[in-house]
């Protein structure tokens, strides 16, 4: 759940839609929705892709 809440917060801070973030991270919009809702756990590769797109250090 914490990952999902943080994704929403960071995405909102950057004024990105779910669609835009998903496209830039090369994942489906539905998968991003599931991550934000805490229904799925991403692989380290997906976390890395999202981190790069939102320009966020992995330590946060």
C-alpha atoms as a PDB file:
ATOM      1  CA  UNK A   1       0.000   0.000   0.000  1.00  0.00           C
ATOM      2  CA  UNK A   2       2.797   2.423   0.835  1.00  0.00           C
ATOM      3  CA  UNK A   3       4.286   2.073  -2.638  1.00  0.00           C
ATOM      4  CA  UNK A   4       0.919   2.800  -4.226  1.00  0.00           C
ATOM      5  CA  UNK A   5       0.319   5.902  -2.109  1.00  0.00           C
ATOM      6  CA  UNK A   6       3.819   7.155  -2.859  1.00  0.00           C
ATOM      7  CA  UNK A   7       3.316   6.591  -6.583  1.00  0.00           C
ATOM      8  CA  UNK A   8       0.110   8.630  -6.526  1.00  0.00           C
ATOM      9  CA  UNK A   9       1.758  11.421  -4.514  1.00  0.00           C
ATOM     10  CA  UNK A  10       4.827  11.618  -6.741  1.00  0.00           C
ATOM     11  CA  UNK A  11       2.781  11.406  -9.928  1.00  0.00           C
ATOM     12  CA  UNK A  12       0.463  14.172  -8.696  1.00  0.00           C
ATOM     13  CA  UNK A  13       3.424  16.363  -7.708  1.00  0.00           C
ATOM     14  CA  UNK A  14       4.660  16.081 -11.270  1.00  0.00           C
ATOM     15  CA  UNK A  15       1.167  16.724 -12.626  1.00  0.00           C
ATOM     16  CA  UNK A  16       1.198  13.487 -14.606  1.00  0.00           C
ATOM     17  CA  UNK A  17      -1.810  11.390 -15.455  1.00  0.00           C
ATOM     18  CA  UNK A  18      -1.769   7.654 -14.928  1.00  0.00           C
ATOM     19  CA  UNK A  19      -1.828   7.253 -18.690  1.00  0.00           C
ATOM     20  CA  UNK A  20       1.220   9.479 -19.187  1.00  0.00           C
ATOM     21  CA  UNK A  21       3.256   7.791 -16.458  1.00  0.00           C
ATOM     22  CA  UNK A  22       2.330   4.324 -17.674  1.00  0.00           C
ATOM     23  CA  UNK A  23       3.262   5.164 -21.256  1.00  0.00           C
ATOM     24  CA  UNK A  24       6.616   6.691 -20.293  1.00  0.00           C
ATOM     25  CA  UNK A  25       7.418   3.752 -17.984  1.00  0.00           C
ATOM     26  CA  UNK A  26       6.388   1.292 -20.717  1.00  0.00           C
ATOM     27  CA  UNK A  27       3.731  -0.426 -18.598  1.00  0.00           C
ATOM     28  CA  UNK A  28      -0.012  -0.670 -19.088  1.00  0.00           C
ATOM     29  CA  UNK A  29      -2.355   1.859 -17.576  1.00  0.00           C
ATOM     30  CA  UNK A  30      -4.279  -0.936 -15.845  1.00  0.00           C
ATOM     31  CA  UNK A  31      -1.102  -2.311 -14.304  1.00  0.00           C
ATOM     32  CA  UNK A  32      -0.245   1.155 -12.947  1.00  0.00           C
ATOM     33  CA  UNK A  33      -3.779   1.421 -11.534  1.00  0.00           C
ATOM     34  CA  UNK A  34      -3.246  -1.909  -9.760  1.00  0.00           C
ATOM     35  CA  UNK A  35       0.090  -0.754  -8.358  1.00  0.00           C
ATOM     36  CA  UNK A  36      -1.396   2.483  -7.050  1.00  0.00           C
ATOM     37  CA  UNK A  37      -4.310   0.590  -5.499  1.00  0.00           C
ATOM     38  CA  UNK A  38      -1.902  -1.806  -3.776  1.00  0.00           C
ATOM     39  CA  UNK A  39      -3.313  -4.808  -5.623  1.00  0.00           C
ATOM     40  CA  UNK A  40      -0.040  -5.762  -7.314  1.00  0.00           C
ATOM     41  CA  UNK A  41       3.625  -5.746  -6.361  1.00  0.00           C
ATOM     42  CA  UNK A  42       6.021  -4.556  -9.076  1.00  0.00           C
ATOM     43  CA  UNK A  43       9.236  -6.224 -10.086  1.00  0.00           C
ATOM     44  CA  UNK A  44      12.471  -4.359  -9.437  1.00  0.00           C
ATOM     45  CA  UNK A  45      12.588  -3.604 -13.170  1.00  0.00           C
ATOM     46  CA  UNK A  46       9.217  -1.855 -13.046  1.00  0.00           C
ATOM     47  CA  UNK A  47      10.233   0.071  -9.918  1.00  0.00           C
ATOM     48  CA  UNK A  48      13.360   1.196 -11.751  1.00  0.00           C
ATOM     49  CA  UNK A  49      11.374   2.261 -14.830  1.00  0.00           C
ATOM     50  CA  UNK A  50       8.941   4.265 -12.689  1.00  0.00           C
ATOM     51  CA  UNK A  51      11.762   5.806 -10.670  1.00  0.00           C
ATOM     52  CA  UNK A  52      13.532   6.990 -13.816  1.00  0.00           C
ATOM     53  CA  UNK A  53      10.357   8.496 -15.283  1.00  0.00           C
ATOM     54  CA  UNK A  54       9.427  10.383 -12.123  1.00  0.00           C
ATOM     55  CA  UNK A  55      13.084  11.231 -11.431  1.00  0.00           C
ATOM     56  CA  UNK A  56      13.004   9.895  -7.875  1.00  0.00           C
ATOM     57  CA  UNK A  57      15.913   8.277  -6.012  1.00  0.00           C
ATOM     58  CA  UNK A  58      15.322   4.663  -5.039  1.00  0.00           C
ATOM     59  CA  UNK A  59      16.020   5.439  -1.375  1.00  0.00           C
ATOM     60  CA  UNK A  60      12.822   7.459  -0.842  1.00  0.00           C
END
